[in-house]
């Protein structure tokens, strides 16, 4: 029976996972919307020689939302690029330390990114900044969405770090592997 602290840590990690799942769903919806928008742009441009004035602007926002909102979910799913070869070549006793170091370093970067994007969105809100594109979108809104995605990534890294500290598998793939190994 795990201690109350471990149960609490696992509950926090499950909450972070649920938030990142929502971020992943949002990212998938943004990606689908981006695809539809690009198809409409190609048809409008090739058939009618008319480009939609909002396509470039909102396409860029959707790309950023897709990348950042889905990053936390991708981290938990084990889909982020990492140097698995370095871990495999390392001594088994050193691997947890490498994982802890890399996760901590990534968390620092994600926190700096989150802080910078939050600050950028706030400054755009205070200054009433709008995009220079034809749509004149208030920049605070898309910047806030990007900041939220960066915060989700930072939260996913916190959950990963907590899982590493309590000895739980940090990735869903290793969760499944651990469950299979325990069942055998």
C-alpha atoms as a PDB file:
ATOM      1  CA  UNK A   1       0.000   0.000   0.000  1.00  0.00           C
ATOM      2  CA  UNK A   2       1.588   3.301  -1.074  1.00  0.00           C
ATOM      3  CA  UNK A   3       2.022   6.084   1.450  1.00  0.00           C
ATOM      4  CA  UNK A   4      -0.407   9.032   1.525  1.00  0.00           C
ATOM      5  CA  UNK A   5       2.273  11.245  -0.046  1.00  0.00           C
ATOM      6  CA  UNK A   6       2.715   8.874  -2.997  1.00  0.00           C
ATOM      7  CA  UNK A   7      -1.069   8.622  -3.430  1.00  0.00           C
ATOM      8  CA  UNK A   8      -1.291  12.435  -3.408  1.00  0.00           C
ATOM      9  CA  UNK A   9       1.537  12.750  -5.936  1.00  0.00           C
ATOM     10  CA  UNK A  10      -0.186  10.217  -8.193  1.00  0.00           C
ATOM     11  CA  UNK A  11      -3.466  12.138  -7.914  1.00  0.00           C
ATOM     12  CA  UNK A  12      -1.718  15.370  -8.929  1.00  0.00           C
ATOM     13  CA  UNK A  13      -0.087  13.560 -11.849  1.00  0.00           C
ATOM     14  CA  UNK A  14      -3.469  12.179 -12.971  1.00  0.00           C
ATOM     15  CA  UNK A  15      -4.936  15.694 -12.877  1.00  0.00           C
ATOM     16  CA  UNK A  16      -2.028  17.003 -14.964  1.00  0.00           C
ATOM     17  CA  UNK A  17      -2.504  14.083 -17.362  1.00  0.00           C
ATOM     18  CA  UNK A  18      -6.207  14.946 -17.732  1.00  0.00           C
ATOM     19  CA  UNK A  19      -5.392  18.589 -18.460  1.00  0.00           C
ATOM     20  CA  UNK A  20      -2.797  17.530 -21.016  1.00  0.00           C
ATOM     21  CA  UNK A  21      -5.258  15.120 -22.606  1.00  0.00           C
ATOM     22  CA  UNK A  22      -7.598  18.096 -23.053  1.00  0.00           C
ATOM     23  CA  UNK A  23      -4.664  20.007 -24.534  1.00  0.00           C
ATOM     24  CA  UNK A  24      -4.008  17.116 -26.901  1.00  0.00           C
ATOM     25  CA  UNK A  25      -7.648  17.056 -28.014  1.00  0.00           C
ATOM     26  CA  UNK A  26      -7.512  20.818 -28.562  1.00  0.00           C
ATOM     27  CA  UNK A  27      -4.285  20.409 -30.557  1.00  0.00           C
ATOM     28  CA  UNK A  28      -5.876  17.725 -32.725  1.00  0.00           C
ATOM     29  CA  UNK A  29      -8.899  19.966 -33.340  1.00  0.00           C
ATOM     30  CA  UNK A  30      -6.574  22.845 -34.281  1.00  0.00           C
ATOM     31  CA  UNK A  31      -4.684  20.564 -36.651  1.00  0.00           C
ATOM     32  CA  UNK A  32      -7.919  19.427 -38.313  1.00  0.00           C
ATOM     33  CA  UNK A  33      -9.132  23.018 -38.588  1.00  0.00           C
ATOM     34  CA  UNK A  34      -5.790  24.011 -40.082  1.00  0.00           C
ATOM     35  CA  UNK A  35      -6.075  21.247 -42.683  1.00  0.00           C
ATOM     36  CA  UNK A  36      -9.610  22.346 -43.622  1.00  0.00           C
ATOM     37  CA  UNK A  37      -8.514  25.952 -43.798  1.00  0.00           C
ATOM     38  CA  UNK A  38      -5.565  25.113 -46.046  1.00  0.00           C
ATOM     39  CA  UNK A  39      -7.774  23.024 -48.339  1.00  0.00           C
ATOM     40  CA  UNK A  40     -10.200  25.950 -48.608  1.00  0.00           C
ATOM     41  CA  UNK A  41      -7.285  28.288 -49.335  1.00  0.00           C
ATOM     42  CA  UNK A  42      -5.924  26.035 -52.084  1.00  0.00           C
ATOM     43  CA  UNK A  43      -9.367  25.747 -53.696  1.00  0.00           C
ATOM     44  CA  UNK A  44     -10.038  29.490 -53.428  1.00  0.00           C
ATOM     45  CA  UNK A  45      -6.623  30.375 -54.832  1.00  0.00           C
ATOM     46  CA  UNK A  46      -6.527  27.856 -57.677  1.00  0.00           C
ATOM     47  CA  UNK A  47     -10.144  28.036 -58.796  1.00  0.00           C
ATOM     48  CA  UNK A  48     -11.040  31.657 -58.132  1.00  0.00           C
ATOM     49  CA  UNK A  49      -7.646  33.387 -57.978  1.00  0.00           C
ATOM     50  CA  UNK A  50      -8.666  34.748 -54.596  1.00  0.00           C
ATOM     51  CA  UNK A  51      -6.722  34.331 -51.380  1.00  0.00           C
ATOM     52  CA  UNK A  52      -8.505  34.455 -48.080  1.00  0.00           C
ATOM     53  CA  UNK A  53      -7.141  37.421 -46.111  1.00  0.00           C
ATOM     54  CA  UNK A  54      -7.216  35.558 -42.828  1.00  0.00           C
ATOM     55  CA  UNK A  55      -5.605  32.296 -43.965  1.00  0.00           C
ATOM     56  CA  UNK A  56      -1.958  33.153 -43.295  1.00  0.00           C
ATOM     57  CA  UNK A  57      -2.620  34.787 -39.936  1.00  0.00           C
ATOM     58  CA  UNK A  58      -4.908  32.133 -38.502  1.00  0.00           C
ATOM     59  CA  UNK A  59      -2.842  29.351 -40.055  1.00  0.00           C
ATOM     60  CA  UNK A  60       0.167  30.540 -38.056  1.00  0.00           C
ATOM     61  CA  UNK A  61      -1.877  30.687 -34.849  1.00  0.00           C
ATOM     62  CA  UNK A  62      -3.267  27.189 -35.415  1.00  0.00           C
ATOM     63  CA  UNK A  63       0.236  25.804 -36.023  1.00  0.00           C
ATOM     64  CA  UNK A  64       1.442  27.312 -32.750  1.00  0.00           C
ATOM     65  CA  UNK A  65      -1.614  26.053 -30.841  1.00  0.00           C
ATOM     66  CA  UNK A  66      -1.147  22.571 -32.286  1.00  0.00           C
ATOM     67  CA  UNK A  67       2.510  22.431 -31.336  1.00  0.00           C
ATOM     68  CA  UNK A  68       2.254  23.852 -27.828  1.00  0.00           C
ATOM     69  CA  UNK A  69      -1.129  22.504 -26.693  1.00  0.00           C
ATOM     70  CA  UNK A  70      -0.182  18.969 -27.714  1.00  0.00           C
ATOM     71  CA  UNK A  71       3.339  18.978 -26.280  1.00  0.00           C
ATOM     72  CA  UNK A  72       2.384  17.906 -22.758  1.00  0.00           C
ATOM     73  CA  UNK A  73       0.277  15.030 -24.019  1.00  0.00           C
ATOM     74  CA  UNK A  74       3.051  13.982 -26.417  1.00  0.00           C
ATOM     75  CA  UNK A  75       5.512  13.986 -23.516  1.00  0.00           C
ATOM     76  CA  UNK A  76       3.340  11.637 -21.453  1.00  0.00           C
ATOM     77  CA  UNK A  77       2.762   9.411 -24.485  1.00  0.00           C
ATOM     78  CA  UNK A  78       6.534   9.119 -24.981  1.00  0.00           C
ATOM     79  CA  UNK A  79       6.347  10.820 -28.384  1.00  0.00           C
ATOM     80  CA  UNK A  80       8.912  13.546 -27.771  1.00  0.00           C
ATOM     81  CA  UNK A  81      12.288  13.197 -29.409  1.00  0.00           C
ATOM     82  CA  UNK A  82      14.973  12.186 -26.963  1.00  0.00           C
ATOM     83  CA  UNK A  83      18.267  10.431 -27.067  1.00  0.00           C
ATOM     84  CA  UNK A  84      17.217   6.914 -26.131  1.00  0.00           C
ATOM     85  CA  UNK A  85      20.526   5.583 -27.440  1.00  0.00           C
ATOM     86  CA  UNK A  86      22.424   7.515 -24.751  1.00  0.00           C
ATOM     87  CA  UNK A  87      20.192   5.983 -22.091  1.00  0.00           C
ATOM     88  CA  UNK A  88      20.641   2.474 -23.490  1.00  0.00           C
ATOM     89  CA  UNK A  89      24.428   2.828 -23.546  1.00  0.00           C
ATOM     90  CA  UNK A  90      24.531   4.188 -20.002  1.00  0.00           C
ATOM     91  CA  UNK A  91      24.980   1.998 -16.997  1.00  0.00           C
ATOM     92  CA  UNK A  92      21.626   0.943 -15.583  1.00  0.00           C
ATOM     93  CA  UNK A  93      22.458   2.638 -12.266  1.00  0.00           C
ATOM     94  CA  UNK A  94      23.056   6.004 -13.994  1.00  0.00           C
ATOM     95  CA  UNK A  95      19.901   6.045 -16.147  1.00  0.00           C
ATOM     96  CA  UNK A  96      17.571   7.411 -13.466  1.00  0.00           C
ATOM     97  CA  UNK A  97      20.000  10.260 -12.801  1.00  0.00           C
ATOM     98  CA  UNK A  98      20.167  11.086 -16.519  1.00  0.00           C
ATOM     99  CA  UNK A  99      16.354  11.040 -16.710  1.00  0.00           C
ATOM    100  CA  UNK A 100      16.102  13.302 -13.646  1.00  0.00           C
ATOM    101  CA  UNK A 101      18.695  15.730 -14.987  1.00  0.00           C
ATOM    102  CA  UNK A 102      17.161  15.929 -18.467  1.00  0.00           C
ATOM    103  CA  UNK A 103      13.625  16.291 -17.128  1.00  0.00           C
ATOM    104  CA  UNK A 104      14.734  19.036 -14.736  1.00  0.00           C
ATOM    105  CA  UNK A 105      16.580  20.873 -17.518  1.00  0.00           C
ATOM    106  CA  UNK A 106      13.544  20.591 -19.814  1.00  0.00           C
ATOM    107  CA  UNK A 107      11.319  21.856 -16.990  1.00  0.00           C
ATOM    108  CA  UNK A 108      13.520  24.931 -16.551  1.00  0.00           C
ATOM    109  CA  UNK A 109      13.288  25.668 -20.280  1.00  0.00           C
ATOM    110  CA  UNK A 110       9.502  25.098 -20.294  1.00  0.00           C
ATOM    111  CA  UNK A 111       9.062  27.397 -17.292  1.00  0.00           C
ATOM    112  CA  UNK A 112      11.103  30.127 -18.992  1.00  0.00           C
ATOM    113  CA  UNK A 113       9.037  29.686 -22.162  1.00  0.00           C
ATOM    114  CA  UNK A 114       5.805  29.817 -20.159  1.00  0.00           C
ATOM    115  CA  UNK A 115       6.899  32.929 -18.300  1.00  0.00           C
ATOM    116  CA  UNK A 116       7.971  34.664 -21.507  1.00  0.00           C
ATOM    117  CA  UNK A 117       4.729  33.843 -23.330  1.00  0.00           C
ATOM    118  CA  UNK A 118       2.582  34.890 -20.372  1.00  0.00           C
ATOM    119  CA  UNK A 119       4.493  38.159 -20.141  1.00  0.00           C
ATOM    120  CA  UNK A 120       4.161  38.696 -23.906  1.00  0.00           C
ATOM    121  CA  UNK A 121       0.407  38.081 -23.814  1.00  0.00           C
ATOM    122  CA  UNK A 122       0.010  40.414 -20.841  1.00  0.00           C
ATOM    123  CA  UNK A 123       1.984  43.192 -22.535  1.00  0.00           C
ATOM    124  CA  UNK A 124      -0.083  42.793 -25.699  1.00  0.00           C
ATOM    125  CA  UNK A 125      -3.253  42.993 -23.611  1.00  0.00           C
ATOM    126  CA  UNK A 126      -2.110  46.115 -21.767  1.00  0.00           C
ATOM    127  CA  UNK A 127      -1.009  47.815 -24.976  1.00  0.00           C
ATOM    128  CA  UNK A 128      -4.052  46.644 -26.963  1.00  0.00           C
ATOM    129  CA  UNK A 129      -1.701  45.275 -29.627  1.00  0.00           C
ATOM    130  CA  UNK A 130      -3.262  43.878 -32.780  1.00  0.00           C
ATOM    131  CA  UNK A 131      -1.762  41.875 -35.618  1.00  0.00           C
ATOM    132  CA  UNK A 132      -0.519  43.683 -38.687  1.00  0.00           C
ATOM    133  CA  UNK A 133      -2.589  41.351 -40.906  1.00  0.00           C
ATOM    134  CA  UNK A 134      -5.893  42.389 -42.435  1.00  0.00           C
ATOM    135  CA  UNK A 135      -7.913  40.790 -39.640  1.00  0.00           C
ATOM    136  CA  UNK A 136      -6.315  43.004 -36.943  1.00  0.00           C
ATOM    137  CA  UNK A 137      -6.654  40.225 -34.342  1.00  0.00           C
ATOM    138  CA  UNK A 138      -5.967  41.346 -30.763  1.00  0.00           C
ATOM    139  CA  UNK A 139      -2.641  39.596 -30.136  1.00  0.00           C
ATOM    140  CA  UNK A 140      -3.284  38.887 -26.467  1.00  0.00           C
ATOM    141  CA  UNK A 141      -5.733  36.090 -27.357  1.00  0.00           C
ATOM    142  CA  UNK A 142      -3.514  33.882 -29.528  1.00  0.00           C
ATOM    143  CA  UNK A 143      -0.521  34.653 -27.318  1.00  0.00           C
ATOM    144  CA  UNK A 144      -2.489  33.591 -24.229  1.00  0.00           C
ATOM    145  CA  UNK A 145      -3.417  30.330 -25.966  1.00  0.00           C
ATOM    146  CA  UNK A 146       0.253  29.687 -26.734  1.00  0.00           C
ATOM    147  CA  UNK A 147       1.148  30.502 -23.126  1.00  0.00           C
ATOM    148  CA  UNK A 148      -1.479  28.025 -21.907  1.00  0.00           C
ATOM    149  CA  UNK A 149       0.097  25.339 -24.093  1.00  0.00           C
ATOM    150  CA  UNK A 150       3.537  26.099 -22.671  1.00  0.00           C
ATOM    151  CA  UNK A 151       2.127  25.918 -19.140  1.00  0.00           C
ATOM    152  CA  UNK A 152       0.619  22.506 -19.967  1.00  0.00           C
ATOM    153  CA  UNK A 153       4.035  21.326 -21.154  1.00  0.00           C
ATOM    154  CA  UNK A 154       5.657  22.611 -17.952  1.00  0.00           C
ATOM    155  CA  UNK A 155       2.978  20.840 -15.896  1.00  0.00           C
ATOM    156  CA  UNK A 156       3.597  17.610 -17.824  1.00  0.00           C
ATOM    157  CA  UNK A 157       7.298  17.927 -17.034  1.00  0.00           C
ATOM    158  CA  UNK A 158       6.466  18.451 -13.342  1.00  0.00           C
ATOM    159  CA  UNK A 159       4.356  15.266 -13.425  1.00  0.00           C
ATOM    160  CA  UNK A 160       7.190  13.419 -15.169  1.00  0.00           C
ATOM    161  CA  UNK A 161       9.676  14.628 -12.558  1.00  0.00           C
ATOM    162  CA  UNK A 162       7.343  13.601  -9.717  1.00  0.00           C
ATOM    163  CA  UNK A 163       6.861  10.157 -11.254  1.00  0.00           C
ATOM    164  CA  UNK A 164      10.614   9.723 -11.576  1.00  0.00           C
ATOM    165  CA  UNK A 165      11.101  10.760  -7.942  1.00  0.00           C
ATOM    166  CA  UNK A 166       8.541   8.267  -6.600  1.00  0.00           C
ATOM    167  CA  UNK A 167       9.708   5.490  -8.911  1.00  0.00           C
ATOM    168  CA  UNK A 168       6.675   5.358 -11.210  1.00  0.00           C
ATOM    169  CA  UNK A 169       7.146   4.987 -14.967  1.00  0.00           C
ATOM    170  CA  UNK A 170       7.126   8.459 -16.548  1.00  0.00           C
ATOM    171  CA  UNK A 171       5.742   7.432 -19.967  1.00  0.00           C
ATOM    172  CA  UNK A 172       2.540   5.683 -20.959  1.00  0.00           C
ATOM    173  CA  UNK A 173       4.586   3.218 -23.021  1.00  0.00           C
ATOM    174  CA  UNK A 174       6.604   2.263 -19.950  1.00  0.00           C
ATOM    175  CA  UNK A 175       3.391   2.115 -17.895  1.00  0.00           C
ATOM    176  CA  UNK A 176       2.026  -0.498 -20.295  1.00  0.00           C
ATOM    177  CA  UNK A 177       5.346  -2.338 -20.278  1.00  0.00           C
ATOM    178  CA  UNK A 178       5.406  -2.321 -16.485  1.00  0.00           C
ATOM    179  CA  UNK A 179       1.837  -3.596 -16.288  1.00  0.00           C
ATOM    180  CA  UNK A 180       2.706  -6.403 -18.710  1.00  0.00           C
ATOM    181  CA  UNK A 181       5.861  -7.264 -16.778  1.00  0.00           C
ATOM    182  CA  UNK A 182       3.935  -7.344 -13.473  1.00  0.00           C
ATOM    183  CA  UNK A 183       1.242  -9.558 -14.996  1.00  0.00           C
ATOM    184  CA  UNK A 184       3.802 -12.153 -16.151  1.00  0.00           C
END
